[in-house]
Every structure is written in structure tokens, then in C-alpha cells.
Protein backbone atom coordinates (compact mmCIF):
# COMPACT_ATOMS: atom_id res chain seq x y z
CA UNK A 1 21.61 129.81 106.86
CA UNK A 2 21.27 127.05 104.44
CA UNK A 3 24.69 127.99 102.81
CA UNK A 4 26.35 127.72 106.25
CA UNK A 5 24.79 124.25 107.00
CA UNK A 6 26.14 123.14 103.37
CA UNK A 7 29.38 124.86 103.76
CA UNK A 8 29.72 122.80 107.30
CA UNK A 9 28.78 119.60 105.76
CA UNK A 10 31.05 119.94 103.03
CA UNK A 11 34.00 120.93 105.48
CA UNK A 12 33.20 118.13 107.85
CA UNK A 13 33.24 115.60 104.83
CA UNK A 14 36.56 116.91 103.59
CA UNK A 15 37.91 116.83 107.07
CA UNK A 16 36.89 112.98 107.73
CA UNK A 17 38.22 112.07 104.22
CA UNK A 18 41.84 114.01 104.85
CA UNK A 19 41.88 113.01 108.27
CA UNK A 20 43.55 109.65 109.05
CA UNK A 21 47.11 109.75 108.43
CA UNK A 22 48.20 110.25 112.39
CA UNK A 23 45.22 108.09 113.18
CA UNK A 24 46.95 105.42 111.30
CA UNK A 25 50.26 106.06 112.33
CA UNK A 26 49.48 105.95 116.03
CA UNK A 27 47.54 102.96 115.45
CA UNK A 28 50.22 101.02 113.80
CA UNK A 29 53.69 100.24 115.12
CA UNK A 30 55.88 97.35 116.44
CA UNK A 31 55.40 95.47 119.53
CA UNK A 32 58.56 96.49 121.87
CA UNK A 33 60.76 93.19 121.96
CA UNK A 34 62.10 91.85 125.38
CA UNK A 35 65.47 92.08 125.48
CA UNK A 36 65.77 91.26 129.35
CA UNK A 37 66.38 87.44 128.19
CA UNK A 38 69.67 88.21 126.64
CA UNK A 39 72.40 87.78 129.21
CA UNK A 40 75.22 85.51 129.75
CA UNK A 41 73.97 81.91 130.64
CA UNK A 42 70.65 82.55 128.88
CA UNK A 43 69.70 79.63 126.26
CA UNK A 44 69.52 80.08 122.54
CA UNK A 45 66.11 78.37 122.40
CA UNK A 46 64.88 80.82 124.94
CA UNK A 47 66.15 83.78 123.05
CA UNK A 48 64.86 82.36 119.59
CA UNK A 49 61.37 81.65 120.93
CA UNK A 50 61.27 85.49 122.32
CA UNK A 51 62.80 87.18 119.54
CA UNK A 52 62.20 84.83 116.62
CA UNK A 53 65.14 83.81 114.21
CA UNK A 54 68.07 85.94 114.13
CA UNK A 55 68.92 88.46 111.38
CA UNK A 56 72.25 86.26 110.49
CA UNK A 57 73.82 83.34 112.33
CA UNK A 58 77.34 81.93 111.92
CA UNK A 59 80.02 79.89 113.34
CA UNK A 60 82.93 81.64 114.62
CA UNK A 61 86.93 80.26 114.15
CA UNK A 62 86.77 78.83 117.77
CA UNK A 63 83.46 76.86 116.81
CA UNK A 64 80.98 78.88 118.72
CA UNK A 65 77.63 79.96 117.39
CA UNK A 66 76.93 83.57 116.84
CA UNK A 67 73.60 85.43 116.33
CA UNK A 68 72.68 88.97 115.42
CA UNK A 69 69.64 90.58 115.86
CA UNK A 70 68.24 94.07 114.93
CA UNK A 71 66.10 95.15 117.92
CA UNK A 72 63.48 97.88 117.31
CA UNK A 73 62.22 99.87 120.25
CA UNK A 74 60.14 103.06 120.68
CA UNK A 75 57.26 102.86 118.21
CA UNK A 76 54.58 101.06 120.18
CA UNK A 77 50.95 101.16 118.76
CA UNK A 78 48.49 103.39 120.65
CA UNK A 79 45.04 102.94 120.57
CA UNK A 80 44.16 106.02 122.79
CA UNK A 81 46.66 108.18 120.88
CA UNK A 82 44.91 106.96 117.51
CA UNK A 83 41.37 107.68 119.10
CA UNK A 84 42.65 111.09 120.18
CA UNK A 85 43.66 111.93 117.06
CA UNK A 86 40.59 110.91 115.49
CA UNK A 87 38.57 113.01 117.81
CA UNK A 88 40.58 116.29 117.15
CA UNK A 89 40.21 115.54 113.68
CA UNK A 90 36.86 115.73 113.84
CA UNK A 91 36.54 118.90 115.86
CA UNK A 92 39.17 120.64 113.82
CA UNK A 93 37.58 119.54 110.68
CA UNK A 94 40.94 117.89 109.67
CA UNK A 95 43.02 120.73 110.57
CA UNK A 96 44.42 118.42 113.43
CA UNK A 97 46.53 116.77 110.84
CA UNK A 98 48.69 119.75 110.49
CA UNK A 99 50.15 119.28 114.10
CA UNK A 100 49.45 115.48 114.39
CA UNK A 101 51.43 114.14 111.57
CA UNK A 102 54.55 115.72 112.09
CA UNK A 103 54.12 114.84 115.72
CA UNK A 104 53.77 110.87 114.78
CA UNK A 105 56.68 111.15 112.55
CA UNK A 106 58.89 112.35 115.33
CA UNK A 107 57.72 109.43 117.35
CA UNK A 108 60.76 107.46 115.56
CA UNK A 109 61.90 103.97 116.80
CA UNK A 110 65.32 103.27 117.91
CA UNK A 111 67.16 100.26 116.35
CA UNK A 112 69.85 98.46 118.14
CA UNK A 113 71.93 95.66 116.88
CA UNK A 114 72.94 92.71 119.60
CA UNK A 115 75.70 90.18 118.57
CA UNK A 116 75.20 87.12 120.89
CA UNK A 117 77.89 84.34 120.95
CA UNK A 118 76.83 80.92 122.51
CA UNK A 119 78.98 78.04 123.54
CA UNK A 120 78.62 74.45 122.41
CA UNK A 121 75.63 73.78 124.63
CA UNK A 122 73.87 76.74 123.41
CA UNK A 123 74.31 78.98 126.38
CA UNK A 124 75.08 82.71 125.79
CA UNK A 125 78.74 83.40 126.73
CA UNK A 126 79.01 87.21 125.08
CA UNK A 127 76.46 89.82 124.40
CA UNK A 128 77.26 92.74 122.60
CA UNK A 129 75.08 95.65 121.98
CA UNK A 130 75.99 97.82 119.17
CA UNK A 131 74.45 101.31 119.31
CA UNK A 132 71.57 102.86 117.60
CA UNK A 133 71.37 102.35 114.00
């Protein structure tokens, strides 16, 4: 009986040490960026306040300002998912990681590039969404 208890204690300790990869992946992530503010007529200052500075910015031959943003979607953190993984890790003595880590890796984020053109007053005149990157 004592051997069984020691074995369970060692397995439990090993499971808690090995676990955590899927827990960390579920707990981390990027906050989804609000793209509903990108439309013709919207102001550049509003877009920059929501999305931050653009990845690139240039002035076109016509004298218009053109900014590009790389928008990431689909990899939001989830404390509920992280707690579920942690609980299943403990219950399965770490074996849940074999299932959970590939699942978390499959939760990929989609990246889209937006090219936004502004007039001389800083209002959006054209928006181009270039597909998933």
C-alpha cells in the first residue's frame, strides 16, 4: 500500500511539473483589435487611438497619407480554458497535455493587413483589406 501511495505522489508531482504548456498558451494571447472604426470618413486620430501607431506610414504621389496596420484576430486569452486545462492536467496526472497542447497550437490567429488612405484633413477615403497573412 505504501508503494502505491509513493507512486501516486511521484506521479502527481511529475504531472504538476510537466503540465502547464497548454495552460500558459490558453492564458496568454492578444486582445482582439477593434476594426469597426476603420471605414471611409473615420478620422486618423481615432484609428490611431484604438489601434496604436501604424506599422508603416507614407505620403502618396497625390499628397495623401497612407498607413498600414497588421491586425491579429482569433487568439484571445481565456482564463476559463486555462483553468479547465489545469484541472484536467491534475486529474490525468499530466497526460492531458498530449491532447491540450496540440489543441492550443491549432487555435491560430489570423492576420490581415489594412491599407488606409487619408485625405488632407486626416479622414479615411479608402480602406483596403489584404487577405490573411
